[in-house]
Amino acid sequence: MPYHPVQGVNYRGRAEIILQDNPEFIVGWKAFCNNPTLRKEEPWANMEYLKRISPGALLIKIVPDEIVLHDHSREDYPIVVWSKK
């Protein structure tokens, strides 16, 4: 079996729960719905779905402190590509 170098990104930080009554929820939902990798025919990938879902819905916002790129095909891995420090 051929070897394929591992590549990936690790995020270190904290997760914040965004409740539906927070204005940031709408901003996050719009960003989610506008993600180009989503199939637009999915029933949840639009703002109309948001109007129909339970009022207890929430989003999880990831606030990174550090982003580390892992690329084992390079000699200088892992690489910190961004750090809040």
C-alpha atoms as a PDB file:
ATOM      1  CA  MET A   1       0.000   0.000   0.000  1.00  0.00           C
ATOM      2  CA  PRO A   2       1.503   3.389  -0.910  1.00  0.00           C
ATOM      3  CA  TYR A   3       2.291   5.851   1.890  1.00  0.00           C
ATOM      4  CA  HIS A   4       0.379   9.129   1.856  1.00  0.00           C
ATOM      5  CA  PRO A   5       1.747  11.865   4.104  1.00  0.00           C
ATOM      6  CA  VAL A   6      -0.648  13.068   6.772  1.00  0.00           C
ATOM      7  CA  GLN A   7      -1.885  16.610   6.290  1.00  0.00           C
ATOM      8  CA  GLY A   8      -4.279  18.518   8.496  1.00  0.00           C
ATOM      9  CA  VAL A   9      -4.987  21.502  10.669  1.00  0.00           C
ATOM     10  CA  ASN A  10      -5.411  21.552  14.456  1.00  0.00           C
ATOM     11  CA  TYR A  11      -7.187  24.398  16.202  1.00  0.00           C
ATOM     12  CA  ARG A  12      -6.630  25.138  19.872  1.00  0.00           C
ATOM     13  CA  GLY A  13      -8.991  27.497  21.618  1.00  0.00           C
ATOM     14  CA  ARG A  14     -12.414  27.526  23.172  1.00  0.00           C
ATOM     15  CA  ALA A  15     -15.964  26.806  22.102  1.00  0.00           C
ATOM     16  CA  GLU A  16     -18.748  29.287  22.824  1.00  0.00           C
ATOM     17  CA  ILE A  17     -22.422  28.343  22.722  1.00  0.00           C
ATOM     18  CA  ILE A  18     -24.487  30.867  20.748  1.00  0.00           C
ATOM     19  CA  LEU A  19     -28.187  30.706  21.638  1.00  0.00           C
ATOM     20  CA  GLN A  20     -30.911  31.526  19.152  1.00  0.00           C
ATOM     21  CA  ASP A  21     -31.840  34.818  20.868  1.00  0.00           C
ATOM     22  CA  ASN A  22     -28.292  36.157  20.382  1.00  0.00           C
ATOM     23  CA  PRO A  23     -27.872  38.409  17.263  1.00  0.00           C
ATOM     24  CA  GLU A  24     -24.672  36.483  16.519  1.00  0.00           C
ATOM     25  CA  PHE A  25     -26.817  33.401  15.878  1.00  0.00           C
ATOM     26  CA  ILE A  26     -28.263  34.921  12.684  1.00  0.00           C
ATOM     27  CA  VAL A  27     -24.783  35.946  11.509  1.00  0.00           C
ATOM     28  CA  GLY A  28     -23.507  32.412  12.127  1.00  0.00           C
ATOM     29  CA  TRP A  29     -26.504  30.747  10.465  1.00  0.00           C
ATOM     30  CA  LYS A  30     -26.079  32.924   7.368  1.00  0.00           C
ATOM     31  CA  ALA A  31     -22.378  32.011   7.200  1.00  0.00           C
ATOM     32  CA  PHE A  32     -23.333  28.339   7.551  1.00  0.00           C
ATOM     33  CA  CYS A  33     -25.988  28.551   4.805  1.00  0.00           C
ATOM     34  CA  ASN A  34     -23.614  30.392   2.446  1.00  0.00           C
ATOM     35  CA  ASN A  35     -20.914  27.738   2.767  1.00  0.00           C
ATOM     36  CA  PRO A  36     -20.122  26.809  -0.863  1.00  0.00           C
ATOM     37  CA  THR A  37     -19.623  23.134   0.050  1.00  0.00           C
ATOM     38  CA  LEU A  38     -23.265  22.728   1.123  1.00  0.00           C
ATOM     39  CA  ARG A  39     -25.766  21.323  -1.297  1.00  0.00           C
ATOM     40  CA  LYS A  40     -28.492  23.940  -1.548  1.00  0.00           C
ATOM     41  CA  GLU A  41     -31.187  21.277  -1.845  1.00  0.00           C
ATOM     42  CA  GLU A  42     -30.551  20.220   1.768  1.00  0.00           C
ATOM     43  CA  PRO A  43     -33.636  21.277   3.749  1.00  0.00           C
ATOM     44  CA  TRP A  44     -31.601  22.857   6.574  1.00  0.00           C
ATOM     45  CA  ALA A  45     -29.258  24.893   4.371  1.00  0.00           C
ATOM     46  CA  ASN A  46     -31.383  28.033   4.178  1.00  0.00           C
ATOM     47  CA  MET A  47     -32.793  30.852   6.300  1.00  0.00           C
ATOM     48  CA  GLU A  48     -36.389  29.610   5.907  1.00  0.00           C
ATOM     49  CA  TYR A  49     -35.493  26.458   7.809  1.00  0.00           C
ATOM     50  CA  LEU A  50     -34.260  28.608  10.691  1.00  0.00           C
ATOM     51  CA  LYS A  51     -37.772  30.058  11.073  1.00  0.00           C
ATOM     52  CA  ARG A  52     -39.211  26.537  11.495  1.00  0.00           C
ATOM     53  CA  ILE A  53     -36.701  24.976  13.892  1.00  0.00           C
ATOM     54  CA  SER A  54     -37.039  24.728  17.620  1.00  0.00           C
ATOM     55  CA  PRO A  55     -36.403  27.926  19.593  1.00  0.00           C
ATOM     56  CA  GLY A  56     -33.856  25.952  21.604  1.00  0.00           C
ATOM     57  CA  ALA A  57     -31.461  25.617  18.647  1.00  0.00           C
ATOM     58  CA  LEU A  58     -27.875  26.738  19.169  1.00  0.00           C
ATOM     59  CA  LEU A  59     -24.612  27.164  17.315  1.00  0.00           C
ATOM     60  CA  ILE A  60     -21.135  26.467  18.585  1.00  0.00           C
ATOM     61  CA  LYS A  61     -18.610  29.185  17.782  1.00  0.00           C
ATOM     62  CA  ILE A  62     -14.954  28.155  17.818  1.00  0.00           C
ATOM     63  CA  VAL A  63     -12.608  30.922  18.997  1.00  0.00           C
ATOM     64  CA  PRO A  64      -9.059  29.794  18.147  1.00  0.00           C
ATOM     65  CA  ASP A  65      -5.953  30.626  20.147  1.00  0.00           C
ATOM     66  CA  GLU A  66      -3.603  28.765  17.830  1.00  0.00           C
ATOM     67  CA  ILE A  67      -3.762  27.113  14.418  1.00  0.00           C
ATOM     68  CA  VAL A  68      -1.195  24.432  13.625  1.00  0.00           C
ATOM     69  CA  LEU A  69      -0.620  22.989  10.146  1.00  0.00           C
ATOM     70  CA  HIS A  70       0.520  19.368  10.027  1.00  0.00           C
ATOM     71  CA  ASP A  71       2.125  18.296   6.774  1.00  0.00           C
ATOM     72  CA  HIS A  72       4.290  15.218   7.221  1.00  0.00           C
ATOM     73  CA  SER A  73       5.623  15.497   3.677  1.00  0.00           C
ATOM     74  CA  ARG A  74       7.737  18.463   4.881  1.00  0.00           C
ATOM     75  CA  GLU A  75      10.823  18.280   7.039  1.00  0.00           C
ATOM     76  CA  ASP A  76       9.783  21.255   9.197  1.00  0.00           C
ATOM     77  CA  TYR A  77       6.395  19.936  10.406  1.00  0.00           C
ATOM     78  CA  PRO A  78       4.339  20.781  12.442  1.00  0.00           C
ATOM     79  CA  ILE A  79       4.108  24.463  11.577  1.00  0.00           C
ATOM     80  CA  VAL A  80       2.292  27.021  13.695  1.00  0.00           C
ATOM     81  CA  VAL A  81       0.606  29.128  11.030  1.00  0.00           C
ATOM     82  CA  TRP A  82      -1.184  31.462  13.406  1.00  0.00           C
ATOM     83  CA  SER A  83      -1.091  32.115  17.133  1.00  0.00           C
ATOM     84  CA  LYS A  84      -2.912  34.628  19.297  1.00  0.00           C
ATOM     85  CA  LYS A  85       0.076  34.696  21.674  1.00  0.00           C
END
